Amino acid sequence: MKIGLCIFATEYAIRIDELAREAEARNFESLWVPEHTHIPTSRRSAFAGGQQLPEQYKHTLDPFVALTAAAAATKTLRVGTGICLIIERDTITTAKSVASLDLLSHGRFEFGLGGGWNAEEMEHHGTEFKSRFKRLEEQVRAMKEIWTKDVAEFHGQFVNFDPIWAWPKPEQKPYPPILLGGESGYTLQRVVDFCDGWYPRGRAPEKVLEGLKDLKARAAKAGRDMKTLTVSAFATPPDKKVLDDFAAAGVTRSIFLLPPEPRDKVLPLLDQYAKLIR
């Protein structure tokens, strides 16, 4: 099982290029960043469990800019969005950002995405909360057309464009792995239907293991080979037993969440977590 890292890349945290170099030097497999374009001040959408929203959610760097810096500073480290809120993005320009990053990183990009939880945030981008996953599916299918065809077109309810030329194409063929975040049965079915991997929250290990059994059953029913699907558990506890259980169950990678702190607080954690790499 592979071991990765995730951090809210902010202006006050360790620089993402420095973190990437330090992570690669310690043999971590990947580095992931989340996304929020902004946080509405209304706070109508409650944060998970009604908790106070952590400050870093207001400060995230653009994920594609941050990961380009991380990729440029490394040679083998994979870089990923965990997650990209594509329902708040233009489909055609996002397809170009993904392809450009994959090309510049020589095929090291993992495209984690999700539907999001902040209704006001997505409303500011013209997206309705209740239809966000229908939009997400159309966006994914449309981007696949753009990445794999010289002349692409798509006609759906939320994404609609006549034949276009759009380059570059991703270096990974047919396109970078698409991982979907979430834990519901709907999420697992979407993973099987049009994605390449599942991106669950690993902080509740038992839920990941239960979900993995469900994912295997859904894949078998759909005739989808589990070898074509990855499982990347985000915010996995840095605990040997949890990692052993995940590895035995077939989890592809565990991702440790780092605090958005300066280098003097983050680098000691890298040294500590690196001891758990097989």
Protein backbone atom coordinates (compact mmCIF):
# COMPACT_ATOMS: atom_id res chain seq x y z
CA MET A 1 0.00 0.00 0.00
CA LYS A 2 1.22 3.47 -0.91
CA ILE A 3 1.51 6.32 1.58
CA GLY A 4 0.67 9.91 0.61
CA LEU A 5 0.26 13.28 2.27
CA CYS A 6 -2.41 15.98 2.11
CA ILE A 7 -2.28 19.60 3.22
CA PHE A 8 -4.42 22.70 2.94
CA ALA A 9 -1.96 24.75 0.91
CA THR A 10 -2.20 28.31 2.26
CA GLU A 11 -0.08 31.44 2.33
CA TYR A 12 0.96 30.74 5.94
CA ALA A 13 1.72 27.02 5.68
CA ILE A 14 5.01 25.48 4.55
CA ARG A 15 5.53 26.31 0.87
CA ILE A 16 4.06 23.60 -1.30
CA ASP A 17 7.23 23.24 -3.41
CA GLU A 18 9.37 22.79 -0.30
CA LEU A 19 6.91 20.28 1.16
CA ALA A 20 6.92 18.35 -2.11
CA ARG A 21 10.73 18.09 -2.13
CA GLU A 22 10.81 17.01 1.50
CA ALA A 23 8.05 14.46 0.94
CA GLU A 24 9.81 12.94 -2.07
CA ALA A 25 13.10 12.77 -0.14
CA ARG A 26 11.31 10.69 2.52
CA ASN A 27 9.78 8.35 -0.08
CA PHE A 28 6.17 9.42 0.23
CA GLU A 29 4.25 8.41 -2.88
CA SER A 30 1.99 11.40 -3.38
CA LEU A 31 0.94 14.89 -2.25
CA TRP A 32 -2.67 16.09 -2.32
CA VAL A 33 -4.39 19.46 -1.84
CA PRO A 34 -8.10 20.34 -1.39
CA GLU A 35 -10.00 23.22 -2.95
CA HIS A 36 -12.34 26.02 -1.98
CA THR A 37 -12.54 29.03 -4.27
CA HIS A 38 -13.91 31.07 -1.36
CA ILE A 39 -16.09 30.72 1.75
CA PRO A 40 -19.34 32.73 1.84
CA THR A 41 -19.70 34.73 5.03
CA SER A 42 -23.35 33.73 5.45
CA ARG A 43 -22.35 30.31 6.86
CA ARG A 44 -25.79 28.94 6.02
CA SER A 45 -24.22 25.59 5.20
CA ALA A 46 -23.03 24.08 8.46
CA PHE A 47 -19.59 22.50 8.61
CA ALA A 48 -19.39 18.77 9.40
CA GLY A 49 -21.06 17.94 12.69
CA GLY A 50 -21.90 21.57 13.34
CA GLN A 51 -18.30 22.32 14.24
CA GLN A 52 -16.70 25.70 13.66
CA LEU A 53 -15.21 25.97 10.19
CA PRO A 54 -11.39 25.70 10.38
CA GLU A 55 -9.63 28.89 9.30
CA GLN A 56 -7.65 27.21 6.50
CA TYR A 57 -10.81 26.65 4.45
CA LYS A 58 -10.80 30.39 3.66
CA HIS A 59 -7.15 30.39 2.56
CA THR A 60 -6.64 27.55 0.05
CA LEU A 61 -4.39 28.22 -2.92
CA ASP A 62 -5.61 27.35 -6.39
CA PRO A 63 -4.98 23.58 -6.54
CA PHE A 64 -3.66 23.45 -10.10
CA VAL A 65 -1.19 26.29 -9.50
CA ALA A 66 -0.05 24.73 -6.21
CA LEU A 67 0.37 21.26 -7.69
CA THR A 68 2.26 22.60 -10.69
CA ALA A 69 4.77 24.10 -8.25
CA ALA A 70 4.95 20.78 -6.39
CA ALA A 71 5.46 18.80 -9.60
CA ALA A 72 8.15 21.20 -10.86
CA ALA A 73 10.09 20.71 -7.61
CA THR A 74 10.07 16.89 -7.81
CA LYS A 75 10.66 13.99 -10.17
CA THR A 76 8.69 10.99 -8.91
CA LEU A 77 6.11 12.34 -6.44
CA ARG A 78 2.54 12.01 -7.67
CA VAL A 79 0.34 15.07 -7.15
CA GLY A 80 -3.41 15.10 -6.69
CA THR A 81 -6.49 17.17 -5.99
CA GLY A 82 -8.26 15.96 -2.90
CA ILE A 83 -10.74 17.16 -3.85
CA CYS A 84 -11.35 19.48 -6.80
CA LEU A 85 -14.82 21.05 -6.78
CA ILE A 86 -15.46 20.73 -10.50
CA ILE A 87 -19.10 21.72 -10.01
CA GLU A 88 -17.75 25.23 -9.32
CA ARG A 89 -15.58 25.23 -12.44
CA ASP A 90 -15.98 25.65 -16.16
CA THR A 91 -15.72 22.24 -17.81
CA ILE A 92 -13.57 23.15 -20.82
CA THR A 93 -11.04 25.25 -18.90
CA THR A 94 -10.79 22.59 -16.17
CA ALA A 95 -10.11 19.94 -18.80
CA LYS A 96 -7.25 22.12 -20.07
CA SER A 97 -5.87 22.64 -16.53
CA VAL A 98 -5.90 18.90 -15.86
CA ALA A 99 -4.25 18.05 -19.17
CA SER A 100 -1.64 20.80 -18.78
CA LEU A 101 -0.68 19.68 -15.26
CA ASP A 102 -0.52 16.04 -16.31
CA LEU A 103 1.68 16.92 -19.28
CA LEU A 104 4.03 19.17 -17.30
CA SER A 105 4.35 16.60 -14.49
CA HIS A 106 5.07 13.80 -17.00
CA GLY A 107 1.94 11.88 -16.07
CA ARG A 108 2.01 12.21 -12.30
CA PHE A 109 -1.44 13.73 -11.71
CA GLU A 110 -4.36 12.13 -9.83
CA PHE A 111 -7.71 13.90 -10.36
CA GLY A 112 -9.68 13.65 -7.13
CA LEU A 113 -13.04 15.39 -7.32
CA GLY A 114 -16.33 15.74 -5.50
CA GLY A 115 -19.68 17.47 -5.26
CA GLY A 116 -18.94 19.59 -2.21
CA TRP A 117 -21.02 20.49 0.86
CA ASN A 118 -21.22 24.30 0.85
CA ALA A 119 -24.42 25.25 -0.97
CA GLU A 120 -23.76 29.00 -0.89
CA GLU A 121 -20.27 28.57 -2.33
CA MET A 122 -21.50 26.64 -5.34
CA GLU A 123 -24.49 28.98 -5.79
CA HIS A 124 -22.01 31.82 -6.31
CA HIS A 125 -20.75 29.83 -9.29
CA GLY A 126 -24.26 29.23 -10.65
CA THR A 127 -24.57 25.63 -9.42
CA GLU A 128 -27.61 24.30 -7.57
CA PHE A 129 -26.88 22.06 -4.61
CA LYS A 130 -29.59 19.51 -5.43
CA SER A 131 -28.38 18.92 -9.00
CA ARG A 132 -24.62 19.08 -8.34
CA PHE A 133 -23.94 15.39 -8.89
CA LYS A 134 -25.84 15.33 -12.18
CA ARG A 135 -23.67 18.26 -13.23
CA LEU A 136 -20.54 16.49 -11.97
CA GLU A 137 -21.24 13.37 -14.02
CA GLU A 138 -21.81 15.36 -17.18
CA GLN A 139 -18.62 17.33 -16.57
CA VAL A 140 -16.56 14.15 -16.14
CA ARG A 141 -18.00 12.56 -19.27
CA ALA A 142 -17.46 15.78 -21.25
CA MET A 143 -13.85 16.11 -20.10
CA LYS A 144 -13.16 12.53 -21.16
CA GLU A 145 -14.34 13.49 -24.64
CA ILE A 146 -11.99 16.49 -24.67
CA TRP A 147 -8.99 14.47 -23.42
CA THR A 148 -9.41 11.54 -25.80
CA LYS A 149 -10.65 13.04 -29.08
CA ASP A 150 -9.12 15.47 -31.54
CA VAL A 151 -12.58 16.85 -32.18
CA ALA A 152 -14.82 16.71 -29.11
CA GLU A 153 -18.41 17.67 -28.51
CA PHE A 154 -20.91 17.12 -25.72
CA HIS A 155 -24.61 17.83 -25.36
CA GLY A 156 -26.15 17.50 -21.93
CA GLN A 157 -28.40 19.34 -19.52
CA PHE A 158 -25.54 21.11 -17.73
CA VAL A 159 -22.66 20.84 -20.18
CA ASN A 160 -23.24 21.63 -23.81
CA PHE A 161 -20.78 22.47 -26.57
CA ASP A 162 -20.49 21.91 -30.31
CA PRO A 163 -17.36 20.32 -31.88
CA ILE A 164 -14.13 21.84 -30.52
CA TRP A 165 -10.36 21.48 -30.78
CA ALA A 166 -8.66 21.49 -27.40
CA TRP A 167 -5.06 20.70 -26.55
CA PRO A 168 -2.90 19.64 -24.81
CA LYS A 169 -3.98 16.07 -24.19
CA PRO A 170 -2.93 14.40 -20.91
CA GLU A 171 0.28 12.39 -20.89
CA GLN A 172 -1.44 9.53 -19.07
CA LYS A 173 -3.64 7.57 -21.43
CA PRO A 174 -6.50 7.74 -21.85
CA TYR A 175 -6.48 10.40 -19.07
CA PRO A 176 -5.38 10.84 -15.43
CA PRO A 177 -7.09 8.62 -12.84
CA ILE A 178 -10.42 10.12 -11.72
CA LEU A 179 -11.18 9.55 -8.04
CA LEU A 180 -14.52 10.45 -6.46
CA GLY A 181 -14.82 11.58 -2.86
CA GLY A 182 -17.67 10.64 -0.51
CA GLU A 183 -18.93 7.64 1.44
CA SER A 184 -22.56 7.08 0.41
CA GLY A 185 -23.88 4.24 -1.68
CA TYR A 186 -24.59 6.79 -4.42
CA THR A 187 -20.89 7.73 -4.39
CA LEU A 188 -19.79 4.11 -4.66
CA GLN A 189 -22.11 3.53 -7.60
CA ARG A 190 -20.78 6.61 -9.37
CA VAL A 191 -17.23 5.34 -8.82
CA VAL A 192 -18.16 2.11 -10.58
CA ASP A 193 -20.11 3.87 -13.33
CA PHE A 194 -17.68 6.56 -14.49
CA CYS A 195 -14.60 6.91 -12.27
CA ASP A 196 -11.28 5.16 -11.70
CA GLY A 197 -11.10 5.27 -7.93
CA TRP A 198 -12.73 6.02 -4.59
CA TYR A 199 -11.50 8.79 -2.27
CA PRO A 200 -13.11 8.17 1.16
CA ARG A 201 -12.32 9.83 4.46
CA GLY A 202 -9.98 7.47 6.29
CA ARG A 203 -10.48 8.97 9.74
CA ALA A 204 -13.20 6.35 10.31
CA PRO A 205 -11.35 3.18 9.23
CA GLU A 206 -14.28 0.86 9.84
CA LYS A 207 -16.41 2.88 7.42
CA VAL A 208 -13.73 2.60 4.74
CA LEU A 209 -13.58 -1.18 5.14
CA GLU A 210 -17.38 -1.47 5.02
CA GLY A 211 -17.48 0.77 1.96
CA LEU A 212 -14.78 -1.24 0.24
CA LYS A 213 -16.86 -4.41 0.58
CA ASP A 214 -19.83 -2.55 -0.89
CA LEU A 215 -17.66 -1.19 -3.71
CA LYS A 216 -16.44 -4.70 -4.58
CA ALA A 217 -20.03 -5.98 -4.69
CA ARG A 218 -21.17 -3.11 -6.90
CA ALA A 219 -18.19 -3.58 -9.22
CA ALA A 220 -18.89 -7.28 -9.55
CA LYS A 221 -22.55 -6.64 -10.33
CA ALA A 222 -21.59 -4.11 -13.02
CA GLY A 223 -18.90 -6.35 -14.50
CA ARG A 224 -16.20 -3.88 -13.46
CA ASP A 225 -12.81 -5.41 -12.56
CA MET A 226 -11.63 -4.11 -9.18
CA LYS A 227 -8.13 -3.99 -10.68
CA THR A 228 -9.36 -0.94 -12.62
CA LEU A 229 -10.40 0.87 -9.41
CA THR A 230 -8.20 2.36 -6.69
CA VAL A 231 -9.07 3.26 -3.09
CA SER A 232 -7.27 6.25 -1.58
CA ALA A 233 -8.19 6.83 2.07
CA PHE A 234 -7.84 10.52 2.92
CA ALA A 235 -6.95 11.60 6.49
CA THR A 236 -6.03 8.08 7.53
CA PRO A 237 -4.81 7.92 11.14
CA PRO A 238 -1.01 7.37 11.19
CA ASP A 239 -1.49 4.11 13.07
CA LYS A 240 0.24 0.83 12.16
CA LYS A 241 -2.80 -1.36 12.87
CA VAL A 242 -5.04 0.78 10.69
CA LEU A 243 -2.49 0.64 7.89
CA ASP A 244 -2.17 -3.12 8.25
CA ASP A 245 -5.95 -3.54 8.12
CA PHE A 246 -6.21 -1.28 5.07
CA ALA A 247 -3.40 -3.09 3.26
CA ALA A 248 -4.97 -6.48 3.97
CA ALA A 249 -8.33 -5.28 2.65
CA GLY A 250 -6.85 -3.97 -0.59
CA VAL A 251 -6.76 -0.22 0.01
CA THR A 252 -4.46 1.29 -2.63
CA ARG A 253 -3.09 4.21 -0.62
CA SER A 254 -3.44 5.86 2.76
CA ILE A 255 -3.07 9.62 2.92
CA PHE A 256 -1.98 11.40 6.11
CA LEU A 257 -3.38 14.88 6.70
CA LEU A 258 -0.81 17.51 7.64
CA PRO A 259 -1.67 20.72 9.52
CA PRO A 260 -1.34 23.98 7.54
CA GLU A 261 1.64 25.05 9.62
CA PRO A 262 5.17 26.38 8.91
CA ARG A 263 8.08 24.06 8.13
CA ASP A 264 9.31 23.81 11.73
CA LYS A 265 6.06 22.07 12.70
CA VAL A 266 5.46 20.09 9.53
CA LEU A 267 8.89 18.56 8.86
CA PRO A 268 9.06 16.70 12.22
CA LEU A 269 5.70 15.14 11.33
CA LEU A 270 7.11 14.00 7.99
CA ASP A 271 9.96 12.29 9.83
CA GLN A 272 7.47 10.62 12.16
CA TYR A 273 5.09 9.49 9.42
CA ALA A 274 7.92 8.30 7.16
CA LYS A 275 8.61 5.51 9.65
CA LEU A 276 5.27 3.99 8.66
CA ILE A 277 6.22 3.63 4.98
CA ARG A 278 6.82 0.01 4.08
